[in-house]
Protein backbone atom coordinates (compact mmCIF):
# COMPACT_ATOMS: atom_id res chain seq x y z
CA MET A 1 24.57 -22.86 -7.20
CA GLY A 2 21.57 -22.31 -9.38
CA ASN A 3 21.30 -22.57 -13.11
CA HIS A 4 22.31 -19.11 -14.41
CA PHE A 5 21.76 -17.74 -17.90
CA PHE A 6 21.07 -14.43 -19.63
CA LEU A 7 17.80 -13.63 -21.35
CA PHE A 8 17.80 -10.93 -23.99
CA SER A 9 14.35 -11.29 -25.54
CA TYR A 10 10.83 -11.96 -24.42
CA ASN A 11 9.48 -13.91 -27.39
CA LYS A 12 10.03 -17.33 -25.81
CA MET A 13 7.31 -16.83 -23.22
CA LYS A 14 4.30 -19.13 -23.33
CA SER A 15 0.79 -18.61 -22.05
CA GLY A 16 1.20 -21.55 -19.67
CA ASP A 17 4.16 -19.99 -17.88
CA PRO A 18 3.67 -18.99 -14.22
CA MET A 19 2.70 -15.47 -13.21
CA LEU A 20 5.80 -13.71 -11.95
CA ILE A 21 5.58 -12.38 -8.40
CA SER A 22 7.46 -9.25 -7.29
CA ASP A 23 6.33 -9.26 -3.64
CA SER A 24 8.28 -11.86 -1.65
CA ARG A 25 5.55 -11.90 1.00
CA LYS A 26 3.16 -13.46 -1.52
CA ILE A 27 5.47 -16.27 -2.64
CA LYS A 28 4.20 -19.84 -2.36
CA GLU A 29 5.92 -23.15 -3.03
CA GLY A 30 6.98 -23.39 -6.67
CA ASP A 31 6.49 -19.71 -7.57
CA THR A 32 8.85 -17.51 -9.57
CA PHE A 33 10.15 -14.38 -7.83
CA ILE A 34 11.32 -11.36 -9.80
CA ALA A 35 13.52 -8.82 -7.98
CA LEU A 36 12.45 -5.38 -9.15
CA LYS A 37 15.03 -2.65 -8.91
CA MET A 38 13.41 0.77 -8.53
CA PRO A 39 14.51 4.18 -7.20
CA CYS A 40 12.79 3.63 -3.84
CA HIS A 41 12.97 -0.16 -3.63
CA ASP A 42 15.40 -2.93 -4.52
CA GLY A 43 13.84 -6.38 -4.65
CA HIS A 44 17.24 -8.08 -4.63
CA GLN A 45 17.35 -7.75 -0.84
CA TYR A 46 14.26 -10.00 -0.61
CA ILE A 47 15.50 -12.84 -2.82
CA GLU A 48 16.60 -15.08 0.04
CA ASP A 49 13.29 -14.50 1.78
CA ALA A 50 11.45 -15.53 -1.42
CA ILE A 51 13.56 -18.69 -1.67
CA GLN A 52 12.81 -19.60 1.95
CA LYS A 53 9.09 -19.22 1.20
CA GLY A 54 9.36 -21.68 -1.68
CA ALA A 55 10.40 -19.79 -4.83
CA LYS A 56 11.93 -22.28 -7.28
CA THR A 57 13.04 -19.68 -9.81
CA VAL A 58 14.51 -16.21 -9.33
CA ILE A 59 14.73 -13.51 -12.00
CA CYS A 60 17.18 -10.75 -11.09
CA GLU A 61 19.89 -8.44 -12.40
CA HIS A 62 22.81 -9.91 -10.46
CA GLY A 63 23.76 -12.47 -7.81
CA ASN A 64 24.23 -16.21 -7.19
CA TYR A 65 21.40 -18.17 -5.61
CA SER A 66 20.54 -21.75 -4.67
CA VAL A 67 17.61 -22.06 -7.11
CA LYS A 68 17.23 -21.68 -10.84
CA THR A 69 18.29 -18.13 -11.61
CA ILE A 70 17.65 -15.99 -14.66
CA ILE A 71 19.83 -12.90 -15.03
CA VAL A 72 18.33 -10.05 -17.09
CA PRO A 73 19.59 -6.53 -17.77
CA ASP A 74 16.46 -4.79 -16.43
CA THR A 75 13.94 -6.62 -14.24
CA GLN A 76 11.32 -3.87 -14.53
CA LYS A 77 11.39 -4.00 -18.31
CA TYR A 78 11.38 -7.80 -18.26
CA LEU A 79 8.33 -7.96 -15.99
CA LYS A 80 6.35 -5.42 -18.01
CA GLU A 81 7.02 -7.16 -21.30
CA TYR A 82 6.36 -10.58 -19.78
CA CYS A 83 2.97 -9.52 -18.44
CA TYR A 84 1.99 -7.79 -21.67
CA GLN A 85 3.05 -10.51 -24.10
CA THR A 86 1.90 -13.43 -21.96
CA TYR A 87 -1.30 -12.16 -20.38
CA TYR A 88 -2.67 -9.25 -22.39
CA PRO A 89 -4.20 -11.55 -25.06
CA GLN A 90 -6.37 -13.07 -22.31
CA ILE A 91 -7.78 -9.73 -21.14
CA LYS A 92 -7.71 -7.54 -24.24
CA ASP A 93 -11.50 -7.55 -24.61
CA LEU A 94 -12.15 -6.31 -21.05
CA LYS A 95 -13.66 -2.82 -21.15
CA LEU A 96 -11.38 -0.69 -18.97
CA ILE A 97 -12.37 2.62 -17.36
CA GLY A 98 -9.60 4.59 -15.62
CA ILE A 99 -9.92 7.65 -13.38
CA THR A 100 -7.01 9.89 -12.41
CA GLY A 101 -6.61 13.12 -10.44
CA THR A 102 -5.60 14.15 -6.94
CA SER A 103 -8.98 13.75 -5.25
CA GLY A 104 -12.20 12.02 -6.20
CA LYS A 105 -10.76 8.92 -7.90
CA THR A 106 -12.13 6.48 -5.35
CA THR A 107 -15.63 7.94 -5.17
CA THR A 108 -15.97 8.31 -8.94
CA CYS A 109 -14.85 4.72 -9.51
CA TYR A 110 -17.17 3.50 -6.77
CA PHE A 111 -20.11 5.28 -8.41
CA LEU A 112 -19.20 3.74 -11.78
CA TYR A 113 -18.94 0.31 -10.17
CA GLN A 114 -22.38 0.66 -8.57
CA PHE A 115 -24.00 2.02 -11.72
CA LEU A 116 -22.71 -0.85 -13.85
CA LYS A 117 -23.92 -3.39 -11.31
CA GLN A 118 -27.40 -1.82 -11.47
CA PHE A 119 -27.30 -2.36 -15.25
CA GLN A 120 -26.68 -6.05 -14.47
CA LYS A 121 -23.13 -5.83 -15.81
CA LYS A 122 -20.40 -7.98 -14.33
CA VAL A 123 -17.76 -5.48 -13.17
CA ALA A 124 -14.57 -5.39 -11.13
CA TYR A 125 -13.18 -2.42 -9.19
CA ILE A 126 -9.45 -1.89 -8.47
CA GLY A 127 -8.34 0.94 -6.20
CA THR A 128 -7.91 2.36 -2.72
CA LEU A 129 -10.83 0.35 -1.34
CA GLY A 130 -9.28 -2.89 -2.60
CA PHE A 131 -10.32 -5.40 -5.27
CA TYR A 132 -14.05 -5.97 -5.78
CA ILE A 133 -16.06 -8.40 -7.90
CA ASP A 134 -19.68 -8.41 -6.68
CA GLU A 135 -18.24 -7.80 -3.21
CA LYS A 136 -14.83 -7.05 -1.74
CA ILE A 137 -12.27 -9.75 -2.54
CA LYS A 138 -9.21 -8.34 -0.81
CA ASP A 139 -7.23 -5.25 0.20
CA LEU A 140 -4.47 -3.90 -2.04
CA ALA A 141 -1.12 -2.46 -0.96
CA ASN A 142 -1.32 0.42 -3.48
CA THR A 143 -4.09 2.48 -5.06
CA THR A 144 -2.95 1.02 -8.39
CA PRO A 145 -1.19 -2.35 -7.89
CA THR A 146 2.19 -3.31 -9.34
CA VAL A 147 2.09 -4.40 -12.98
CA ASP A 148 2.22 -8.13 -12.17
CA GLU A 149 -0.62 -7.85 -9.67
CA MET A 150 -2.61 -5.60 -12.01
CA TYR A 151 -2.50 -8.19 -14.79
CA ALA A 152 -3.30 -10.95 -12.28
CA LEU A 153 -6.37 -9.05 -11.05
CA CYS A 154 -7.56 -8.42 -14.60
CA ILE A 155 -7.18 -12.13 -15.38
CA GLU A 156 -9.13 -12.97 -12.21
CA ALA A 157 -11.85 -10.53 -13.28
CA LYS A 158 -11.96 -12.07 -16.75
CA LYS A 159 -12.22 -15.60 -15.36
CA ALA A 160 -15.08 -14.44 -13.11
CA GLY A 161 -16.99 -13.31 -16.20
CA CYS A 162 -16.43 -9.56 -15.85
CA GLU A 163 -17.10 -7.37 -18.86
CA TYR A 164 -15.87 -4.15 -17.24
CA VAL A 165 -12.98 -3.18 -14.95
CA VAL A 166 -13.07 0.23 -13.26
CA MET A 167 -9.79 1.36 -11.76
CA GLU A 168 -8.13 4.28 -10.01
CA VAL A 169 -4.91 5.32 -11.73
CA SER A 170 -2.38 7.09 -9.52
CA SER A 171 0.57 9.21 -10.63
CA HIS A 172 2.96 6.58 -9.23
CA ALA A 173 1.21 3.93 -11.30
CA LEU A 174 1.79 5.99 -14.42
CA ALA A 175 5.39 6.83 -13.49
CA PHE A 176 6.25 3.16 -12.82
CA ASP A 177 4.23 1.69 -15.72
CA ARG A 178 1.91 -0.32 -13.49
CA ILE A 179 -0.74 -0.23 -16.23
CA TYR A 180 1.80 -1.05 -18.94
CA GLN A 181 0.21 -1.46 -22.38
CA LEU A 182 -3.34 -1.59 -21.00
CA LYS A 183 -5.82 0.15 -23.29
CA PHE A 184 -8.81 2.04 -21.89
CA ASP A 185 -12.25 2.57 -23.36
CA ALA A 186 -12.86 5.64 -21.18
CA VAL A 187 -10.84 7.78 -18.80
CA GLY A 188 -11.61 10.72 -16.52
CA PHE A 189 -9.73 13.62 -14.94
CA THR A 190 -11.13 14.84 -11.60
CA ASN A 191 -8.82 17.63 -10.39
CA LEU A 192 -5.20 18.39 -9.52
CA SER A 193 -3.52 19.88 -6.46
CA ARG A 194 -0.12 19.43 -4.80
CA GLU A 195 0.57 15.82 -3.89
CA HIS A 196 3.57 13.45 -3.86
CA MET A 197 6.00 16.34 -4.30
CA ASP A 198 8.56 14.23 -2.41
CA TYR A 199 8.70 12.10 -5.57
CA HIS A 200 7.56 14.36 -8.43
CA LYS A 201 9.40 17.47 -7.12
CA THR A 202 7.36 19.88 -9.28
CA MET A 203 3.74 20.26 -10.34
CA GLU A 204 4.93 20.14 -13.96
CA ASN A 205 6.30 16.63 -13.43
CA TYR A 206 3.15 15.60 -11.58
CA VAL A 207 0.93 16.82 -14.44
CA LYS A 208 3.07 15.03 -17.05
CA GLU A 209 2.61 11.69 -15.31
CA LYS A 210 -1.15 12.15 -15.00
CA GLN A 211 -1.42 13.12 -18.68
CA LYS A 212 -0.13 9.73 -19.81
CA LEU A 213 -3.46 8.04 -19.07
CA PHE A 214 -5.14 10.13 -21.78
CA THR A 215 -2.81 8.63 -24.41
CA TYR A 216 -3.83 5.05 -23.53
CA LEU A 217 -7.31 5.18 -25.08
CA ARG A 218 -8.88 2.97 -27.74
CA ASN A 219 -12.18 2.58 -29.64
CA ASP A 220 -14.26 5.75 -29.07
CA LYS A 221 -11.45 7.24 -26.92
CA ILE A 222 -13.77 8.75 -24.33
CA ALA A 223 -12.09 11.37 -22.11
CA VAL A 224 -14.23 13.16 -19.51
CA ILE A 225 -12.60 16.28 -18.05
CA ASN A 226 -13.53 18.52 -15.12
CA GLU A 227 -13.33 21.84 -16.94
CA ASP A 228 -13.47 23.84 -13.70
CA ASP A 229 -10.02 22.62 -12.64
CA PHE A 230 -7.03 24.89 -13.32
CA TYR A 231 -5.16 22.07 -15.08
CA ALA A 232 -8.04 20.88 -17.27
CA SER A 233 -6.47 22.04 -20.55
CA HIS A 234 -3.49 19.74 -19.99
CA PHE A 235 -5.74 16.71 -20.44
CA ILE A 236 -7.21 17.65 -23.81
CA LYS A 237 -5.69 15.37 -26.44
CA GLU A 238 -6.30 15.58 -30.17
CA GLY A 239 -8.12 12.49 -31.40
CA ASN A 240 -9.89 11.84 -28.10
CA GLN A 241 -13.63 12.33 -27.63
CA ASN A 242 -13.11 15.12 -25.09
CA ILE A 243 -16.21 15.65 -22.92
CA PHE A 244 -16.15 18.65 -20.56
CA PHE A 245 -18.28 19.44 -17.55
CA GLY A 246 -18.40 22.04 -14.82
CA LYS A 247 -19.97 25.37 -14.01
CA HIS A 248 -19.05 26.58 -17.49
CA GLY A 249 -19.06 23.12 -19.08
CA LYS A 250 -19.09 22.89 -22.85
CA ASN A 251 -20.94 19.56 -22.76
CA ALA A 252 -22.54 19.30 -19.33
CA LYS A 253 -23.09 22.54 -17.44
CA ILE A 254 -23.71 22.64 -13.71
CA ILE A 255 -26.50 25.16 -13.33
CA ASP A 256 -26.91 24.91 -9.58
CA TYR A 257 -26.28 22.68 -6.64
CA LYS A 258 -27.34 23.08 -3.08
CA THR A 259 -25.68 21.06 -0.39
CA GLU A 260 -27.79 19.88 2.51
CA ILE A 261 -26.68 17.74 5.43
CA GLU A 262 -28.79 14.88 4.03
CA GLY A 263 -27.45 15.21 0.50
CA SER A 264 -27.22 17.54 -2.50
CA LEU A 265 -29.63 18.95 -5.04
CA LEU A 266 -27.95 19.11 -8.45
CA THR A 267 -29.26 20.86 -11.56
CA PHE A 268 -27.31 20.43 -14.78
CA SER A 269 -27.89 20.75 -18.51
CA TYR A 270 -26.76 18.11 -20.98
CA LYS A 271 -27.64 17.54 -24.62
CA GLU A 272 -30.23 20.35 -24.57
CA LYS A 273 -32.03 18.91 -21.55
CA ILE A 274 -32.09 20.12 -17.96
CA TYR A 275 -31.91 17.55 -15.17
CA ASP A 276 -32.79 18.03 -11.50
CA VAL A 277 -31.29 15.24 -9.41
CA THR A 278 -31.40 14.60 -5.70
CA LEU A 279 -28.06 13.08 -4.77
CA PRO A 280 -28.19 10.70 -1.76
CA PHE A 281 -24.84 11.89 -0.44
CA PHE A 282 -23.17 14.95 0.97
CA GLY A 283 -20.73 17.46 -0.54
CA ASP A 284 -20.39 19.68 -3.59
CA TYR A 285 -17.26 17.82 -4.68
CA ASN A 286 -19.30 14.60 -4.80
CA ALA A 287 -21.60 16.28 -7.31
CA TYR A 288 -18.53 16.50 -9.58
CA ASN A 289 -17.63 12.85 -8.95
CA TYR A 290 -21.21 11.85 -9.72
CA LEU A 291 -21.42 13.89 -12.91
CA MET A 292 -18.18 12.41 -14.21
CA SER A 293 -19.45 8.87 -13.70
CA LEU A 294 -22.73 9.80 -15.39
CA LEU A 295 -21.04 11.28 -18.48
CA ILE A 296 -18.63 8.36 -18.89
CA LEU A 297 -21.47 5.86 -18.89
CA ASP A 298 -23.61 8.02 -21.19
CA ALA A 299 -20.69 8.10 -23.66
CA LEU A 300 -20.51 4.30 -23.35
CA HIS A 301 -24.17 4.22 -24.49
CA PHE A 302 -25.94 3.60 -21.20
CA PRO A 303 -29.34 5.40 -21.18
CA MET A 304 -29.32 8.68 -19.25
CA GLY A 305 -32.86 8.05 -18.02
CA ASN A 306 -31.79 4.83 -16.31
CA LEU A 307 -28.70 6.51 -14.87
CA ILE A 308 -30.83 9.22 -13.27
CA GLU A 309 -33.25 6.59 -11.99
CA PHE A 310 -30.45 4.48 -10.48
CA THR A 311 -28.89 7.52 -8.73
CA THR A 312 -31.07 7.10 -5.66
CA ASN A 313 -29.32 3.78 -4.89
CA LEU A 314 -25.77 5.17 -4.98
CA LYS A 315 -23.62 5.23 -1.88
CA THR A 316 -20.33 6.95 -1.22
CA PRO A 317 -17.40 4.64 -0.40
CA PRO A 318 -16.92 3.58 3.23
CA GLY A 319 -15.06 6.31 5.11
CA ARG A 320 -15.92 9.04 2.60
CA MET A 321 -18.09 11.62 4.39
CA GLU A 322 -19.62 8.75 6.33
CA ALA A 323 -22.19 10.29 8.67
CA ILE A 324 -23.00 9.19 12.21
CA ILE A 325 -26.04 10.93 13.70
CA ASN A 326 -25.94 11.43 17.46
CA GLN A 327 -29.03 13.34 18.61
CA THR A 328 -28.64 16.83 17.07
CA ASN A 329 -24.98 16.28 16.22
CA LEU A 330 -23.41 15.00 13.03
CA ILE A 331 -20.06 13.20 13.12
CA PHE A 332 -18.42 12.79 9.73
CA ILE A 333 -15.58 10.37 9.02
CA ASP A 334 -13.62 11.14 5.87
CA TYR A 335 -10.42 9.96 4.21
CA ALA A 336 -9.27 13.51 3.31
CA HIS A 337 -5.51 13.52 3.88
CA LYS A 338 -4.31 16.06 1.31
CA PRO A 339 -4.56 19.87 1.51
CA GLY A 340 -7.04 20.17 -1.37
CA ALA A 341 -9.29 17.41 -0.09
CA VAL A 342 -9.22 18.75 3.49
CA GLN A 343 -10.15 22.21 2.26
CA LYS A 344 -13.05 20.93 0.12
CA VAL A 345 -14.53 18.92 2.99
CA LEU A 346 -14.17 21.76 5.49
CA GLU A 347 -15.58 24.44 3.17
CA THR A 348 -18.57 22.27 2.33
CA VAL A 349 -19.42 21.51 5.96
CA GLU A 350 -18.61 25.06 7.05
CA LYS A 351 -21.40 26.38 4.77
CA GLN A 352 -23.94 24.10 6.40
CA LYS A 353 -23.04 24.35 10.06
CA LYS A 354 -25.67 25.76 12.42
CA ASN A 355 -23.36 26.00 15.41
CA LYS A 356 -19.71 24.99 15.89
CA LEU A 357 -17.48 22.86 13.69
CA TYR A 358 -14.81 20.73 15.39
CA THR A 359 -12.10 18.93 13.40
CA ILE A 360 -9.76 16.07 14.26
CA LEU A 361 -6.74 15.88 11.96
CA GLY A 362 -3.29 14.33 11.67
CA CYS A 363 -0.71 13.72 8.93
CA GLY A 364 0.93 10.46 7.87
CA GLY A 365 4.61 9.86 8.50
CA ASN A 366 7.22 8.96 5.86
CA GLN A 367 5.37 11.11 3.35
CA GLU A 368 5.58 14.59 1.88
CA ILE A 369 6.44 17.07 4.63
CA THR A 370 5.46 20.32 2.90
CA LYS A 371 1.73 19.49 2.89
CA ARG A 372 1.62 19.31 6.71
CA LYS A 373 1.73 23.05 7.38
CA MET A 374 -0.83 23.61 4.62
CA MET A 375 -3.24 21.11 6.16
CA GLY A 376 -2.78 22.55 9.64
CA LYS A 377 -3.47 26.07 8.42
CA ILE A 378 -6.55 25.02 6.41
CA ALA A 379 -8.01 23.11 9.37
CA SER A 380 -7.51 26.03 11.76
CA GLU A 381 -8.96 28.61 9.37
CA HIS A 382 -12.12 26.66 8.55
CA SER A 383 -12.89 25.12 11.96
CA ASP A 384 -14.03 26.60 15.24
CA PHE A 385 -11.63 24.26 17.01
CA VAL A 386 -9.09 21.62 15.92
CA PHE A 387 -7.66 18.60 17.69
CA PHE A 388 -4.30 17.77 16.11
CA THR A 389 -3.48 14.11 16.62
CA ASN A 390 -1.74 11.07 15.16
CA ASP A 391 -2.69 9.63 11.80
CA ASN A 392 -0.21 6.90 10.77
CA PRO A 393 3.11 8.28 12.06
CA ARG A 394 4.92 5.22 10.72
CA ASP A 395 8.65 5.61 11.47
CA GLU A 396 8.51 9.32 12.28
CA ASP A 397 8.26 11.07 15.64
CA PRO A 398 4.59 12.08 16.11
CA LYS A 399 5.69 15.23 17.96
CA LYS A 400 7.73 16.35 14.95
CA ILE A 401 4.83 15.73 12.55
CA ILE A 402 2.42 17.86 14.57
CA GLU A 403 5.01 20.60 15.07
CA GLU A 404 5.24 20.82 11.27
CA MET A 405 1.44 20.95 10.99
CA LEU A 406 1.40 23.95 13.35
CA LEU A 407 4.04 26.01 11.51
CA GLU A 408 1.50 28.30 9.79
CA VAL A 409 -1.34 28.07 12.31
CA THR A 410 -1.91 31.60 13.64
CA LYS A 411 -5.19 31.12 15.53
CA GLN A 412 -5.19 29.71 19.05
CA ASN A 413 -8.13 27.43 18.31
CA TYR A 414 -6.45 24.06 18.72
CA LYS A 415 -5.25 21.41 21.12
CA VAL A 416 -2.67 18.67 20.57
CA ILE A 417 -3.65 15.17 21.71
CA TYR A 418 -1.26 12.52 20.37
CA ASP A 419 -3.50 9.57 21.22
CA ARG A 420 -6.06 9.48 18.38
CA LYS A 421 -8.69 7.68 20.45
CA GLU A 422 -8.43 10.30 23.19
CA ALA A 423 -8.65 13.08 20.58
CA ILE A 424 -11.88 11.56 19.27
CA ARG A 425 -13.18 11.14 22.82
CA GLU A 426 -12.53 14.81 23.65
CA GLY A 427 -13.94 15.96 20.30
CA ILE A 428 -17.20 14.15 21.03
CA SER A 429 -17.29 15.51 24.59
CA LYS A 430 -17.19 19.10 23.26
CA LEU A 431 -20.31 18.73 21.11
CA ASN A 432 -23.29 20.87 22.02
CA GLN A 433 -26.61 21.41 20.26
CA GLU A 434 -26.24 21.10 16.44
CA ASP A 435 -22.43 21.03 16.50
CA ILE A 436 -20.54 19.04 13.83
CA LEU A 437 -17.42 16.93 14.30
CA LEU A 438 -15.16 16.05 11.36
CA ILE A 439 -12.68 13.18 11.80
CA LEU A 440 -10.28 13.36 8.86
CA GLY A 441 -7.40 11.43 7.39
CA LYS A 442 -8.04 7.73 7.83
CA GLY A 443 -11.54 7.10 6.53
CA ASN A 444 -12.17 3.36 6.43
CA GLU A 445 -8.62 2.31 7.36
CA THR A 446 -8.56 -0.46 9.94
CA TYR A 447 -5.18 0.19 11.54
CA GLN A 448 -2.66 2.73 12.83
CA GLU A 449 0.91 2.22 11.69
CA ILE A 450 3.46 3.13 14.37
CA GLN A 451 7.16 2.24 14.24
CA GLY A 452 6.71 -0.53 11.70
CA LYS A 453 3.73 -2.16 13.41
CA LYS A 454 0.07 -1.98 12.49
CA TYR A 455 -2.33 -1.72 15.41
CA PRO A 456 -6.09 -2.28 14.95
CA PHE A 457 -7.84 1.10 14.74
CA LYS A 458 -10.91 2.22 12.85
CA ASP A 459 -12.33 5.71 13.39
CA LYS A 460 -15.94 4.61 12.98
CA GLU A 461 -15.63 1.79 15.52
CA VAL A 462 -13.91 4.11 17.99
CA VAL A 463 -16.74 6.66 17.63
CA PHE A 464 -19.42 4.03 18.32
CA GLU A 465 -17.44 2.71 21.29
CA ILE A 466 -17.18 6.19 22.83
CA LEU A 467 -20.85 6.99 22.17
CA LYS A 468 -21.82 3.74 23.85
CA GLU A 469 -19.66 4.58 26.87
CA ARG A 470 -21.34 7.99 27.18
CA LYS A 471 -24.83 6.41 27.21
CA ASN A 472 -23.93 4.00 30.02
């Protein structure tokens, strides 16, 4: 059997030691695998798989294995301390910007990433879209990666010459210490609505996890807060440079914004000046995302005049209110998959519609059940007609998922089509002069996950395929 011993301290680690890997699928010959034991996951069941893939050392809490084995009392604690003590010195001078909230994290971070690039700054982005340096490097399994991958990405960014790292910070990341001991130069709070109640159980618990990010600040301790959100006061911390914005903002006040199909016209006051900005994207909520990115960078001493000038070059992330124009019709593809996000998108488009609004919507399987009826009700109330369909049913019965979405739907303005491609096909076929079609839930995802398998599927590609068929 392997060489077994107990390790009670972390001070013997050296900077030349290998990066520990907690995902057995990523193991290569000679790597060290650490079996993380968490409430929803036990890495010990993947140890043999890691060994077969070439792991030469295993760190775990129990067991006998055929390779060098290190037994520790708590693998999560070990990994966090290992990453911090071994790798933090290499990345401590990276300027970190973190955004948290239920909705808007991705878009706000993407705006920040684009702004910094326009200032000729070398910047990395970590979040739902994946890992970017100059361009996309790779996809990520989680919005905020596990602590070992997070440190590895920061090291990669540092080696590539990055000065800034912009990242989305999820509630799970904060609960599981995925950003353990990282210190941020600026953070932002977008908004809060019910999400992940299957894990957090209560909104109070959810808020407490999100609040943690605002205690991880350093230097000027910049904290930008959407004051219009009900939970804004929970993110005000003594000692931080708290910057507020919103319709009644203490620092930046939104005077007016008008949403047009082509974009938004935003008027806001800041530091005794009034700014009129044409935003090259759609949606009132994106005005909030934009303003947060603007205020963070202003606080980091980037000139407001340049920020306003660079605004015209901003783009929303792929799959976020991505518009396809088909004659007089607009087809929007959006990632909205939470009740609050679905409502914001629908209310925004509903204000602008000239004729009918059709919506295609599903809910993911193996996730919080209570949000399904809320999303179904919201879609029915704010659409002229809804096609309920599959999203990523995963291991659940698609019929059961849609039945739960229909629990509080009282209007008879819907049809169930389980095949997502057929739902999109019928949605497009219904469009008349100046109608709008919203396809929600998957955004830029490139697959559908059904019974443990991922099948190629991208809403945008399906739309173009169907439009091409209709022309022929």
